[in-house]
Amino acid sequence: MADLSMASERRGDVVVIYPRGFINAHTVRQFEQELERAMESGRNRIVINGSGLSYIASAGLGAIMGHIEDVRSQGGDIRLTDLNETVLNILNVLGFNHICRVFDSEQEAVTSYSEAASND
């Protein structure tokens, strides 16, 4: 069975989540719990840094979809960054890149929230 470890950090009013390993049917609950912790702490601006993510199965994408409407209804979003080619291809094939904004770097993703706020 594939492993997953999770970490997170606050960057101002943004929480950055760092999954490391594989998000699949066996590990998705751990990933969901990290998303829920961010939301429960009042953080609705979430960045998922995929630099340590080897693979994401449909269960992981479903977890993001299950939470994205909630954070968007509170004026936030879930944004993705630092994805490897495998994960990026999965997102593109499934059209997920039309649902979530994908950035090349964590800094760009975090900064995009303040840019959006200044355009409002």
PDB file of N, CA and C in Angstrom:
ATOM      1  N   MET A   1       0.840  -1.180   0.000  1.00  0.00           N
ATOM      2  CA  MET A   1       0.000   0.000   0.000  1.00  0.00           C
ATOM      3  C   MET A   1       0.883   1.240   0.000  1.00  0.00           C
ATOM      4  N   ALA A   2       0.485   2.235  -0.789  1.00  0.00           N
ATOM      5  CA  ALA A   2       1.256   3.470  -0.907  1.00  0.00           C
ATOM      6  C   ALA A   2       1.063   4.332   0.334  1.00  0.00           C
ATOM      7  N   ASP A   3       2.052   5.120   0.623  1.00  0.00           N
ATOM      8  CA  ASP A   3       2.069   5.960   1.813  1.00  0.00           C
ATOM      9  C   ASP A   3       1.745   7.407   1.468  1.00  0.00           C
ATOM     10  N   LEU A   4       1.258   8.126   2.466  1.00  0.00           N
ATOM     11  CA  LEU A   4       1.012   9.551   2.339  1.00  0.00           C
ATOM     12  C   LEU A   4       1.351  10.202   3.665  1.00  0.00           C
ATOM     13  N   SER A   5       2.091  11.293   3.604  1.00  0.00           N
ATOM     14  CA  SER A   5       2.300  12.121   4.787  1.00  0.00           C
ATOM     15  C   SER A   5       1.830  13.524   4.439  1.00  0.00           C
ATOM     16  N   MET A   6       1.417  14.242   5.474  1.00  0.00           N
ATOM     17  CA  MET A   6       0.838  15.565   5.268  1.00  0.00           C
ATOM     18  C   MET A   6       1.515  16.575   6.181  1.00  0.00           C
ATOM     19  N   ALA A   7       1.643  17.781   5.689  1.00  0.00           N
ATOM     20  CA  ALA A   7       2.101  18.911   6.491  1.00  0.00           C
ATOM     21  C   ALA A   7       1.370  20.140   5.969  1.00  0.00           C
ATOM     22  N   SER A   8       1.335  21.176   6.769  1.00  0.00           N
ATOM     23  CA  SER A   8       0.739  22.431   6.309  1.00  0.00           C
ATOM     24  C   SER A   8       1.413  23.599   7.012  1.00  0.00           C
ATOM     25  N   GLU A   9       1.326  24.758   6.369  1.00  0.00           N
ATOM     26  CA  GLU A   9       1.897  26.001   6.908  1.00  0.00           C
ATOM     27  C   GLU A   9       0.966  27.143   6.570  1.00  0.00           C
ATOM     28  N   ARG A  10       0.936  28.129   7.426  1.00  0.00           N
ATOM     29  CA  ARG A  10       0.181  29.344   7.137  1.00  0.00           C
ATOM     30  C   ARG A  10       1.090  30.350   6.460  1.00  0.00           C
ATOM     31  N   ARG A  11       0.555  30.989   5.458  1.00  0.00           N
ATOM     32  CA  ARG A  11       1.231  32.094   4.760  1.00  0.00           C
ATOM     33  C   ARG A  11       0.242  33.257   4.767  1.00  0.00           C
ATOM     34  N   GLY A  12       0.244  34.023   5.843  1.00  0.00           N
ATOM     35  CA  GLY A  12      -0.749  35.085   5.997  1.00  0.00           C
ATOM     36  C   GLY A  12      -2.119  34.454   6.159  1.00  0.00           C
ATOM     37  N   ASP A  13      -3.055  34.830   5.283  1.00  0.00           N
ATOM     38  CA  ASP A  13      -4.401  34.264   5.366  1.00  0.00           C
ATOM     39  C   ASP A  13      -4.581  33.053   4.443  1.00  0.00           C
ATOM     40  N   VAL A  14      -3.478  32.507   3.969  1.00  0.00           N
ATOM     41  CA  VAL A  14      -3.493  31.327   3.100  1.00  0.00           C
ATOM     42  C   VAL A  14      -2.875  30.157   3.856  1.00  0.00           C
ATOM     43  N   VAL A  15      -3.472  28.992   3.723  1.00  0.00           N
ATOM     44  CA  VAL A  15      -2.848  27.786   4.269  1.00  0.00           C
ATOM     45  C   VAL A  15      -2.326  26.968   3.089  1.00  0.00           C
ATOM     46  N   VAL A  16      -1.078  26.535   3.199  1.00  0.00           N
ATOM     47  CA  VAL A  16      -0.451  25.719   2.163  1.00  0.00           C
ATOM     48  C   VAL A  16      -0.350  24.298   2.701  1.00  0.00           C
ATOM     49  N   ILE A  17      -0.907  23.365   1.948  1.00  0.00           N
ATOM     50  CA  ILE A  17      -0.901  21.955   2.330  1.00  0.00           C
ATOM     51  C   ILE A  17       0.137  21.234   1.471  1.00  0.00           C
ATOM     52  N   TYR A  18       0.934  20.398   2.135  1.00  0.00           N
ATOM     53  CA  TYR A  18       2.013  19.664   1.474  1.00  0.00           C
ATOM     54  C   TYR A  18       1.772  18.155   1.575  1.00  0.00           C
ATOM     55  N   PRO A  19       1.062  17.569   0.618  1.00  0.00           N
ATOM     56  CA  PRO A  19       0.959  16.105   0.618  1.00  0.00           C
ATOM     57  C   PRO A  19       2.246  15.501   0.055  1.00  0.00           C
ATOM     58  N   ARG A  20       2.694  14.402   0.637  1.00  0.00           N
ATOM     59  CA  ARG A  20       3.906  13.735   0.157  1.00  0.00           C
ATOM     60  C   ARG A  20       3.588  12.257  -0.019  1.00  0.00           C
ATOM     61  N   GLY A  21       3.715  11.786  -1.258  1.00  0.00           N
ATOM     62  CA  GLY A  21       3.451  10.384  -1.550  1.00  0.00           C
ATOM     63  C   GLY A  21       2.306  10.228  -2.531  1.00  0.00           C
ATOM     64  N   PHE A  22       1.388   9.332  -2.210  1.00  0.00           N
ATOM     65  CA  PHE A  22       0.304   8.967  -3.104  1.00  0.00           C
ATOM     66  C   PHE A  22      -1.039   9.266  -2.451  1.00  0.00           C
ATOM     67  N   ILE A  23      -1.922   9.951  -3.179  1.00  0.00           N
ATOM     68  CA  ILE A  23      -3.298  10.114  -2.711  1.00  0.00           C
ATOM     69  C   ILE A  23      -4.145   9.147  -3.531  1.00  0.00           C
ATOM     70  N   ASN A  24      -4.665   8.136  -2.845  1.00  0.00           N
ATOM     71  CA  ASN A  24      -5.489   7.125  -3.506  1.00  0.00           C
ATOM     72  C   ASN A  24      -6.596   6.712  -2.543  1.00  0.00           C
ATOM     73  N   ALA A  25      -7.319   5.664  -2.872  1.00  0.00           N
ATOM     74  CA  ALA A  25      -8.442   5.226  -2.038  1.00  0.00           C
ATOM     75  C   ALA A  25      -8.006   4.868  -0.622  1.00  0.00           C
ATOM     76  N   HIS A  26      -6.760   4.438  -0.455  1.00  0.00           N
ATOM     77  CA  HIS A  26      -6.265   4.037   0.865  1.00  0.00           C
ATOM     78  C   HIS A  26      -5.820   5.223   1.717  1.00  0.00           C
ATOM     79  N   THR A  27      -5.456   6.325   1.075  1.00  0.00           N
ATOM     80  CA  THR A  27      -4.885   7.449   1.809  1.00  0.00           C
ATOM     81  C   THR A  27      -5.749   8.713   1.750  1.00  0.00           C
ATOM     82  N   VAL A  28      -6.819   8.673   0.991  1.00  0.00           N
ATOM     83  CA  VAL A  28      -7.599   9.893   0.742  1.00  0.00           C
ATOM     84  C   VAL A  28      -8.183  10.484   2.022  1.00  0.00           C
ATOM     85  N   ARG A  29      -8.542   9.663   2.987  1.00  0.00           N
ATOM     86  CA  ARG A  29      -9.138  10.198   4.219  1.00  0.00           C
ATOM     87  C   ARG A  29      -8.149  11.103   4.952  1.00  0.00           C
ATOM     88  N   GLN A  30      -6.892  10.743   4.943  1.00  0.00           N
ATOM     89  CA  GLN A  30      -5.860  11.578   5.567  1.00  0.00           C
ATOM     90  C   GLN A  30      -5.782  12.937   4.869  1.00  0.00           C
ATOM     91  N   PHE A  31      -5.860  12.926   3.542  1.00  0.00           N
ATOM     92  CA  PHE A  31      -5.846  14.158   2.748  1.00  0.00           C
ATOM     93  C   PHE A  31      -7.086  15.002   3.058  1.00  0.00           C
ATOM     94  N   GLU A  32      -8.243  14.366   3.114  1.00  0.00           N
ATOM     95  CA  GLU A  32      -9.483  15.080   3.425  1.00  0.00           C
ATOM     96  C   GLU A  32      -9.420  15.721   4.808  1.00  0.00           C
ATOM     97  N   GLN A  33      -8.860  15.028   5.764  1.00  0.00           N
ATOM     98  CA  GLN A  33      -8.746  15.569   7.115  1.00  0.00           C
ATOM     99  C   GLN A  33      -7.898  16.834   7.144  1.00  0.00           C
ATOM    100  N   GLU A  34      -6.859  16.872   6.330  1.00  0.00           N
ATOM    101  CA  GLU A  34      -6.009  18.069   6.269  1.00  0.00           C
ATOM    102  C   GLU A  34      -6.784  19.235   5.655  1.00  0.00           C
ATOM    103  N   LEU A  35      -7.560  18.976   4.616  1.00  0.00           N
ATOM    104  CA  LEU A  35      -8.405  20.019   4.028  1.00  0.00           C
ATOM    105  C   LEU A  35      -9.425  20.511   5.056  1.00  0.00           C
ATOM    106  N   GLU A  36     -10.029  19.589   5.775  1.00  0.00           N
ATOM    107  CA  GLU A  36     -11.025  19.954   6.785  1.00  0.00           C
ATOM    108  C   GLU A  36     -10.409  20.767   7.914  1.00  0.00           C
ATOM    109  N   ARG A  37      -9.197  20.420   8.332  1.00  0.00           N
ATOM    110  CA  ARG A  37      -8.506  21.190   9.375  1.00  0.00           C
ATOM    111  C   ARG A  37      -8.294  22.631   8.922  1.00  0.00           C
ATOM    112  N   ALA A  38      -7.892  22.797   7.683  1.00  0.00           N
ATOM    113  CA  ALA A  38      -7.680  24.149   7.158  1.00  0.00           C
ATOM    114  C   ALA A  38      -8.986  24.943   7.192  1.00  0.00           C
ATOM    115  N   MET A  39     -10.061  24.312   6.761  1.00  0.00           N
ATOM    116  CA  MET A  39     -11.353  24.998   6.732  1.00  0.00           C
ATOM    117  C   MET A  39     -11.869  25.288   8.138  1.00  0.00           C
ATOM    118  N   GLU A  40     -11.695  24.354   9.057  1.00  0.00           N
ATOM    119  CA  GLU A  40     -12.152  24.545  10.432  1.00  0.00           C
ATOM    120  C   GLU A  40     -11.399  25.658  11.135  1.00  0.00           C
ATOM    121  N   SER A  41     -10.172  25.913  10.706  1.00  0.00           N
ATOM    122  CA  SER A  41      -9.388  26.991  11.305  1.00  0.00           C
ATOM    123  C   SER A  41      -9.763  28.349  10.716  1.00  0.00           C
ATOM    124  N   GLY A  42     -10.785  28.354   9.848  1.00  0.00           N
ATOM    125  CA  GLY A  42     -11.232  29.600   9.241  1.00  0.00           C
ATOM    126  C   GLY A  42     -10.473  29.961   7.986  1.00  0.00           C
ATOM    127  N   ARG A  43      -9.654  29.060   7.512  1.00  0.00           N
ATOM    128  CA  ARG A  43      -8.870  29.318   6.300  1.00  0.00           C
ATOM    129  C   ARG A  43      -9.647  28.804   5.086  1.00  0.00           C
ATOM    130  N   ASN A  44     -10.063  29.703   4.234  1.00  0.00           N
ATOM    131  CA  ASN A  44     -10.761  29.284   3.029  1.00  0.00           C
ATOM    132  C   ASN A  44      -9.949  29.585   1.772  1.00  0.00           C
ATOM    133  N   ARG A  45      -8.731  30.017   1.979  1.00  0.00           N
ATOM    134  CA  ARG A  45      -7.782  30.210   0.879  1.00  0.00           C
ATOM    135  C   ARG A  45      -6.717  29.138   1.045  1.00  0.00           C
ATOM    136  N   ILE A  46      -6.790  28.132   0.182  1.00  0.00           N
ATOM    137  CA  ILE A  46      -5.951  26.947   0.329  1.00  0.00           C
ATOM    138  C   ILE A  46      -5.101  26.756  -0.919  1.00  0.00           C
ATOM    139  N   VAL A  47      -3.837  26.460  -0.716  1.00  0.00           N
ATOM    140  CA  VAL A  47      -2.922  26.083  -1.793  1.00  0.00           C
ATOM    141  C   VAL A  47      -2.443  24.668  -1.499  1.00  0.00           C
ATOM    142  N   ILE A  48      -2.538  23.802  -2.479  1.00  0.00           N
ATOM    143  CA  ILE A  48      -1.995  22.456  -2.349  1.00  0.00           C
ATOM    144  C   ILE A  48      -0.696  22.425  -3.143  1.00  0.00           C
ATOM    145  N   ASN A  49       0.420  22.305  -2.425  1.00  0.00           N
ATOM    146  CA  ASN A  49       1.729  22.239  -3.059  1.00  0.00           C
ATOM    147  C   ASN A  49       2.038  20.771  -3.340  1.00  0.00           C
ATOM    148  N   GLY A  50       2.042  20.411  -4.622  1.00  0.00           N
ATOM    149  CA  GLY A  50       2.227  19.027  -5.017  1.00  0.00           C
ATOM    150  C   GLY A  50       3.660  18.623  -5.289  1.00  0.00           C
ATOM    151  N   SER A  51       4.630  19.383  -4.804  1.00  0.00           N
ATOM    152  CA  SER A  51       6.025  19.053  -5.095  1.00  0.00           C
ATOM    153  C   SER A  51       6.421  17.677  -4.564  1.00  0.00           C
ATOM    154  N   GLY A  52       5.770  17.214  -3.506  1.00  0.00           N
ATOM    155  CA  GLY A  52       6.070  15.900  -2.951  1.00  0.00           C
ATOM    156  C   GLY A  52       5.045  14.844  -3.324  1.00  0.00           C
ATOM    157  N   LEU A  53       4.123  15.218  -4.186  1.00  0.00           N
ATOM    158  CA  LEU A  53       3.044  14.314  -4.567  1.00  0.00           C
ATOM    159  C   LEU A  53       3.475  13.472  -5.761  1.00  0.00           C
ATOM    160  N   SER A  54       3.493  12.162  -5.577  1.00  0.00           N
ATOM    161  CA  SER A  54       3.887  11.263  -6.659  1.00  0.00           C
ATOM    162  C   SER A  54       2.733  10.943  -7.587  1.00  0.00           C
ATOM    163  N   TYR A  55       1.525  10.851  -7.002  1.00  0.00           N
ATOM    164  CA  TYR A  55       0.374  10.428  -7.794  1.00  0.00           C
ATOM    165  C   TYR A  55      -0.898  10.843  -7.071  1.00  0.00           C
ATOM    166  N   ILE A  56      -1.933  11.191  -7.834  1.00  0.00           N
ATOM    167  CA  ILE A  56      -3.250  11.461  -7.258  1.00  0.00           C
ATOM    168  C   ILE A  56      -4.279  10.684  -8.060  1.00  0.00           C
ATOM    169  N   ALA A  57      -5.025   9.847  -7.384  1.00  0.00           N
ATOM    170  CA  ALA A  57      -6.077   9.053  -8.019  1.00  0.00           C
ATOM    171  C   ALA A  57      -7.383   9.836  -7.980  1.00  0.00           C
ATOM    172  N   SER A  58      -8.407   9.277  -8.591  1.00  0.00           N
ATOM    173  CA  SER A  58      -9.706   9.943  -8.643  1.00  0.00           C
ATOM    174  C   SER A  58     -10.248  10.232  -7.246  1.00  0.00           C
ATOM    175  N   ALA A  59      -9.901   9.413  -6.271  1.00  0.00           N
ATOM    176  CA  ALA A  59     -10.347   9.662  -4.897  1.00  0.00           C
ATOM    177  C   ALA A  59      -9.812  10.996  -4.385  1.00  0.00           C
ATOM    178  N   GLY A  60      -8.575  11.318  -4.711  1.00  0.00           N
ATOM    179  CA  GLY A  60      -7.982  12.586  -4.288  1.00  0.00           C
ATOM    180  C   GLY A  60      -8.626  13.772  -4.979  1.00  0.00           C
ATOM    181  N   LEU A  61      -8.912  13.621  -6.268  1.00  0.00           N
ATOM    182  CA  LEU A  61      -9.588  14.691  -7.000  1.00  0.00           C
ATOM    183  C   LEU A  61     -10.999  14.872  -6.466  1.00  0.00           C
ATOM    184  N   GLY A  62     -11.635  13.769  -6.109  1.00  0.00           N
ATOM    185  CA  GLY A  62     -12.961  13.841  -5.521  1.00  0.00           C
ATOM    186  C   GLY A  62     -12.950  14.578  -4.193  1.00  0.00           C
ATOM    187  N   ALA A  63     -11.898  14.388  -3.411  1.00  0.00           N
ATOM    188  CA  ALA A  63     -11.768  15.092  -2.134  1.00  0.00           C
ATOM    189  C   ALA A  63     -11.671  16.596  -2.358  1.00  0.00           C
ATOM    190  N   ILE A  64     -10.906  16.997  -3.359  1.00  0.00           N
ATOM    191  CA  ILE A  64     -10.800  18.430  -3.670  1.00  0.00           C
ATOM    192  C   ILE A  64     -12.161  18.954  -4.114  1.00  0.00           C
ATOM    193  N   MET A  65     -12.821  18.219  -4.999  1.00  0.00           N
ATOM    194  CA  MET A  65     -14.145  18.632  -5.486  1.00  0.00           C
ATOM    195  C   MET A  65     -15.151  18.711  -4.347  1.00  0.00           C
ATOM    196  N   GLY A  66     -15.036  17.801  -3.402  1.00  0.00           N
ATOM    197  CA  GLY A  66     -15.957  17.791  -2.277  1.00  0.00           C
ATOM    198  C   GLY A  66     -15.811  18.987  -1.357  1.00  0.00           C
ATOM    199  N   HIS A  67     -14.673  19.650  -1.404  1.00  0.00           N
ATOM    200  CA  HIS A  67     -14.422  20.790  -0.519  1.00  0.00           C
ATOM    201  C   HIS A  67     -14.386  22.137  -1.253  1.00  0.00           C
ATOM    202  N   ILE A  68     -14.189  22.113  -2.552  1.00  0.00           N
ATOM    203  CA  ILE A  68     -13.982  23.374  -3.271  1.00  0.00           C
ATOM    204  C   ILE A  68     -15.227  24.258  -3.265  1.00  0.00           C
ATOM    205  N   GLU A  69     -16.403  23.651  -3.357  1.00  0.00           N
ATOM    206  CA  GLU A  69     -17.623  24.462  -3.325  1.00  0.00           C
ATOM    207  C   GLU A  69     -17.789  25.148  -1.982  1.00  0.00           C
ATOM    208  N   ASP A  70     -17.453  24.429  -0.896  1.00  0.00           N
ATOM    209  CA  ASP A  70     -17.553  25.018   0.439  1.00  0.00           C
ATOM    210  C   ASP A  70     -16.635  26.223   0.585  1.00  0.00           C
ATOM    211  N   VAL A  71     -15.373  26.090   0.178  1.00  0.00           N
ATOM    212  CA  VAL A  71     -14.449  27.223   0.344  1.00  0.00           C
ATOM    213  C   VAL A  71     -14.815  28.363  -0.598  1.00  0.00           C
ATOM    214  N   ARG A  72     -15.298  28.048  -1.785  1.00  0.00           N
ATOM    215  CA  ARG A  72     -15.703  29.117  -2.713  1.00  0.00           C
ATOM    216  C   ARG A  72     -16.932  29.856  -2.199  1.00  0.00           C
ATOM    217  N   SER A  73     -17.836  29.156  -1.552  1.00  0.00           N
ATOM    218  CA  SER A  73     -19.027  29.821  -1.002  1.00  0.00           C
ATOM    219  C   SER A  73     -18.651  30.779   0.120  1.00  0.00           C
ATOM    220  N   GLN A  74     -17.456  30.617   0.691  1.00  0.00           N
ATOM    221  CA  GLN A  74     -16.961  31.492   1.750  1.00  0.00           C
ATOM    222  C   GLN A  74     -15.954  32.509   1.206  1.00  0.00           C
ATOM    223  N   GLY A  75     -15.898  32.649  -0.114  1.00  0.00           N
ATOM    224  CA  GLY A  75     -15.004  33.630  -0.729  1.00  0.00           C
ATOM    225  C   GLY A  75     -13.583  33.152  -0.931  1.00  0.00           C
ATOM    226  N   GLY A  76     -13.336  31.861  -0.751  1.00  0.00           N
ATOM    227  CA  GLY A  76     -11.994  31.318  -0.918  1.00  0.00           C
ATOM    228  C   GLY A  76     -11.868  30.462  -2.163  1.00  0.00           C
ATOM    229  N   ASP A  77     -10.832  29.634  -2.175  1.00  0.00           N
ATOM    230  CA  ASP A  77     -10.585  28.763  -3.310  1.00  0.00           C
ATOM    231  C   ASP A  77      -9.543  27.726  -2.903  1.00  0.00           C
ATOM    232  N   ILE A  78      -9.402  26.715  -3.738  1.00  0.00           N
ATOM    233  CA  ILE A  78      -8.314  25.742  -3.607  1.00  0.00           C
ATOM    234  C   ILE A  78      -7.498  25.852  -4.879  1.00  0.00           C
ATOM    235  N   ARG A  79      -6.221  26.142  -4.728  1.00  0.00           N
ATOM    236  CA  ARG A  79      -5.316  26.293  -5.872  1.00  0.00           C
ATOM    237  C   ARG A  79      -4.187  25.279  -5.756  1.00  0.00           C
ATOM    238  N   LEU A  80      -3.661  24.881  -6.889  1.00  0.00           N
ATOM    239  CA  LEU A  80      -2.635  23.833  -6.950  1.00  0.00           C
ATOM    240  C   LEU A  80      -1.338  24.406  -7.482  1.00  0.00           C
ATOM    241  N   THR A  81      -0.230  23.838  -7.033  1.00  0.00           N
ATOM    242  CA  THR A  81       1.073  24.312  -7.490  1.00  0.00           C
ATOM    243  C   THR A  81       2.113  23.196  -7.434  1.00  0.00           C
ATOM    244  N   ASP A  82       3.189  23.398  -8.167  1.00  0.00           N
ATOM    245  CA  ASP A  82       4.358  22.514  -8.133  1.00  0.00           C
ATOM    246  C   ASP A  82       4.006  21.056  -8.414  1.00  0.00           C
ATOM    247  N   LEU A  83       3.193  20.838  -9.438  1.00  0.00           N
ATOM    248  CA  LEU A  83       2.774  19.483  -9.785  1.00  0.00           C
ATOM    249  C   LEU A  83       3.764  18.843 -10.737  1.00  0.00           C
ATOM    250  N   ASN A  84       4.047  17.553 -10.516  1.00  0.00           N
ATOM    251  CA  ASN A  84       4.931  16.861 -11.454  1.00  0.00           C
ATOM    252  C   ASN A  84       4.160  16.541 -12.731  1.00  0.00           C
ATOM    253  N   GLU A  85       4.863  16.092 -13.741  1.00  0.00           N
ATOM    254  CA  GLU A  85       4.254  15.864 -15.050  1.00  0.00           C
ATOM    255  C   GLU A  85       3.134  14.826 -14.994  1.00  0.00           C
ATOM    256  N   THR A  86       3.313  13.783 -14.212  1.00  0.00           N
ATOM    257  CA  THR A  86       2.295  12.738 -14.093  1.00  0.00           C
ATOM    258  C   THR A  86       0.996  13.301 -13.534  1.00  0.00           C
ATOM    259  N   VAL A  87       1.089  14.017 -12.419  1.00  0.00           N
ATOM    260  CA  VAL A  87      -0.095  14.586 -11.776  1.00  0.00           C
ATOM    261  C   VAL A  87      -0.735  15.637 -12.682  1.00  0.00           C
ATOM    262  N   LEU A  88       0.069  16.474 -13.299  1.00  0.00           N
ATOM    263  CA  LEU A  88      -0.447  17.503 -14.194  1.00  0.00           C
ATOM    264  C   LEU A  88      -1.185  16.874 -15.381  1.00  0.00           C
ATOM    265  N   ASN A  89      -0.642  15.804 -15.932  1.00  0.00           N
ATOM    266  CA  ASN A  89      -1.313  15.118 -17.039  1.00  0.00           C
ATOM    267  C   ASN A  89      -2.657  14.547 -16.608  1.00  0.00           C
ATOM    268  N   ILE A  90      -2.714  13.974 -15.415  1.00  0.00           N
ATOM    269  CA  ILE A  90      -3.978  13.441 -14.899  1.00  0.00           C
ATOM    270  C   ILE A  90      -5.016  14.567 -14.810  1.00  0.00           C
ATOM    271  N   LEU A  91      -4.613  15.699 -14.261  1.00  0.00           N
ATOM    272  CA  LEU A  91      -5.530  16.827 -14.138  1.00  0.00           C
ATOM    273  C   LEU A  91      -6.009  17.309 -15.496  1.00  0.00           C
ATOM    274  N   ASN A  92      -5.094  17.413 -16.440  1.00  0.00           N
ATOM    275  CA  ASN A  92      -5.451  17.898 -17.767  1.00  0.00           C
ATOM    276  C   ASN A  92      -6.373  16.935 -18.501  1.00  0.00           C
ATOM    277  N   VAL A  93      -6.086  15.648 -18.435  1.00  0.00           N
ATOM    278  CA  VAL A  93      -6.909  14.644 -19.121  1.00  0.00           C
ATOM    279  C   VAL A  93      -8.334  14.659 -18.570  1.00  0.00           C
ATOM    280  N   LEU A  94      -8.464  14.825 -17.267  1.00  0.00           N
ATOM    281  CA  LEU A  94      -9.787  14.812 -16.637  1.00  0.00           C
ATOM    282  C   LEU A  94     -10.474  16.183 -16.662  1.00  0.00           C
ATOM    283  N   GLY A  95      -9.799  17.187 -17.204  1.00  0.00           N
ATOM    284  CA  GLY A  95     -10.376  18.526 -17.284  1.00  0.00           C
ATOM    285  C   GLY A  95     -10.360  19.273 -15.964  1.00  0.00           C
ATOM    286  N   PHE A  96      -9.618  18.776 -15.010  1.00  0.00           N
ATOM    287  CA  PHE A  96      -9.571  19.377 -13.692  1.00  0.00           C
ATOM    288  C   PHE A  96      -8.884  20.737 -13.721  1.00  0.00           C
ATOM    289  N   ASN A  97      -8.047  20.958 -14.714  1.00  0.00           N
ATOM    290  CA  ASN A  97      -7.364  22.243 -14.856  1.00  0.00           C
ATOM    291  C   ASN A  97      -8.355  23.371 -15.172  1.00  0.00           C
ATOM    292  N   HIS A  98      -9.597  23.027 -15.548  1.00  0.00           N
ATOM    293  CA  HIS A  98     -10.627  24.032 -15.769  1.00  0.00           C
ATOM    294  C   HIS A  98     -11.394  24.340 -14.484  1.00  0.00           C
ATOM    295  N   ILE A  99     -11.214  23.506 -13.477  1.00  0.00           N
ATOM    296  CA  ILE A  99     -11.916  23.666 -12.197  1.00  0.00           C
ATOM    297  C   ILE A  99     -11.024  24.367 -11.180  1.00  0.00           C
ATOM    298  N   CYS A 100      -9.748  23.994 -11.156  1.00  0.00           N
ATOM    299  CA  CYS A 100      -8.781  24.570 -10.209  1.00  0.00           C
ATOM    300  C   CYS A 100      -7.699  25.309 -10.974  1.00  0.00           C
ATOM    301  N   ARG A 101      -7.290  26.435 -10.419  1.00  0.00           N
ATOM    302  CA  ARG A 101      -6.153  27.146 -11.008  1.00  0.00           C
ATOM    303  C   ARG A 101      -4.873  26.441 -10.603  1.00  0.00           C
ATOM    304  N   VAL A 102      -3.984  26.286 -11.571  1.00  0.00           N
ATOM    305  CA  VAL A 102      -2.707  25.603 -11.359  1.00  0.00           C
ATOM    306  C   VAL A 102      -1.581  26.613 -11.595  1.00  0.00           C
ATOM    307  N   PHE A 103      -0.647  26.667 -10.659  1.00  0.00           N
ATOM    308  CA  PHE A 103       0.471  27.603 -10.737  1.00  0.00           C
ATOM    309  C   PHE A 103       1.791  26.853 -10.781  1.00  0.00           C
ATOM    310  N   ASP A 104       2.816  27.526 -11.321  1.00  0.00           N
ATOM    311  CA  ASP A 104       4.140  26.922 -11.406  1.00  0.00           C
ATOM    312  C   ASP A 104       4.871  26.917 -10.071  1.00  0.00           C
ATOM    313  N   SER A 105       4.574  27.911  -9.222  1.00  0.00           N
ATOM    314  CA  SER A 105       5.292  28.002  -7.946  1.00  0.00           C
ATOM    315  C   SER A 105       4.324  28.309  -6.809  1.00  0.00           C
ATOM    316  N   GLU A 106       4.729  27.919  -5.619  1.00  0.00           N
ATOM    317  CA  GLU A 106       3.929  28.202  -4.427  1.00  0.00           C
ATOM    318  C   GLU A 106       3.746  29.696  -4.242  1.00  0.00           C
ATOM    319  N   GLN A 107       4.803  30.458  -4.451  1.00  0.00           N
ATOM    320  CA  GLN A 107       4.714  31.908  -4.268  1.00  0.00           C
ATOM    321  C   GLN A 107       3.668  32.521  -5.196  1.00  0.00           C
ATOM    322  N   GLU A 108       3.638  32.072  -6.459  1.00  0.00           N
ATOM    323  CA  GLU A 108       2.627  32.580  -7.398  1.00  0.00           C
ATOM    324  C   GLU A 108       1.218  32.256  -6.914  1.00  0.00           C
ATOM    325  N   ALA A 109       1.027  31.036  -6.432  1.00  0.00           N
ATOM    326  CA  ALA A 109      -0.300  30.609  -5.976  1.00  0.00           C
ATOM    327  C   ALA A 109      -0.745  31.424  -4.764  1.00  0.00           C
ATOM    328  N   VAL A 110       0.147  31.609  -3.802  1.00  0.00           N
ATOM    329  CA  VAL A 110      -0.182  32.372  -2.603  1.00  0.00           C
ATOM    330  C   VAL A 110      -0.465  33.823  -2.975  1.00  0.00           C
ATOM    331  N   THR A 111       0.382  34.409  -3.799  1.00  0.00           N
ATOM    332  CA  THR A 111       0.231  35.804  -4.209  1.00  0.00           C
ATOM    333  C   THR A 111      -1.044  36.024  -5.008  1.00  0.00           C
ATOM    334  N   SER A 112      -1.489  35.011  -5.730  1.00  0.00           N
ATOM    335  CA  SER A 112      -2.687  35.166  -6.562  1.00  0.00           C
ATOM    336  C   SER A 112      -3.910  35.529  -5.728  1.00  0.00           C
ATOM    337  N   TYR A 113      -3.942  35.116  -4.471  1.00  0.00           N
ATOM    338  CA  TYR A 113      -5.069  35.484  -3.610  1.00  0.00           C
ATOM    339  C   TYR A 113      -5.078  36.981  -3.319  1.00  0.00           C
ATOM    340  N   SER A 114      -3.930  37.562  -3.039  1.00  0.00           N
ATOM    341  CA  SER A 114      -3.904  38.988  -2.748  1.00  0.00           C
ATOM    342  C   SER A 114      -4.136  39.807  -4.016  1.00  0.00           C
ATOM    343  N   GLU A 115      -3.700  39.294  -5.155  1.00  0.00           N
ATOM    344  CA  GLU A 115      -3.964  39.990  -6.420  1.00  0.00           C
ATOM    345  C   GLU A 115      -5.453  39.989  -6.725  1.00  0.00           C
ATOM    346  N   ALA A 116      -6.117  38.874  -6.467  1.00  0.00           N
ATOM    347  CA  ALA A 116      -7.567  38.770  -6.708  1.00  0.00           C
ATOM    348  C   ALA A 116      -8.312  39.748  -5.792  1.00  0.00           C
ATOM    349  N   ALA A 117      -7.869  39.856  -4.544  1.00  0.00           N
ATOM    350  CA  ALA A 117      -8.526  40.749  -3.597  1.00  0.00           C
ATOM    351  C   ALA A 117      -8.366  42.201  -4.003  1.00  0.00           C
ATOM    352  N   SER A 118      -7.206  42.556  -4.545  1.00  0.00           N
ATOM    353  CA  SER A 118      -6.977  43.943  -4.937  1.00  0.00           C
ATOM    354  C   SER A 118      -7.735  44.309  -6.210  1.00  0.00           C
ATOM    355  N   ASN A 119      -8.165  43.295  -6.980  1.00  0.00           N
ATOM    356  CA  ASN A 119      -8.945  43.549  -8.188  1.00  0.00           C
ATOM    357  C   ASN A 119     -10.437  43.651  -7.913  1.00  0.00           C
ATOM    358  N   ASP A 120     -10.845  43.321  -6.702  1.00  0.00           N
ATOM    359  CA  ASP A 120     -12.280  43.368  -6.345  1.00  0.00           C
ATOM    360  C   ASP A 120     -12.731  44.781  -6.064  1.00  0.00           C
TER     361      ASP A 120
END
